[in-house]
Amino acid sequence: MESPTSLNALVAAALRAEMANQRKTVTGLARALGRERSAAQRVHDGHAHLTLDDLDAAAAWLGIERRDLLTRYRAGGPQQ
């Protein structure tokens, strides 16, 4: 896994938090990203890099703005 402060790791943390908040599954994420479930699991866990297209697809699936995934978490934890 990457450094916990890398942008990819922070976006993955925001993605996991929002998915948990909305009770969404990795299987649903896989459908939204057009990937196999195993590939979506790696994105979810922060083991695979998100593309900008992935970021857009995930945000749309979650019904949030992509900037929310980019700014929700920073090195110090959740941002309000």
Foldseek 3Di string as FASTA:
>chain_A
DDDCQDQLNQLLVLLLVLCVVVVHDLVLLCVLQVHDSVVSVCSNNSNDGDDVSSLVSSCVSSVHDSVCSRQQAGPVGGDD
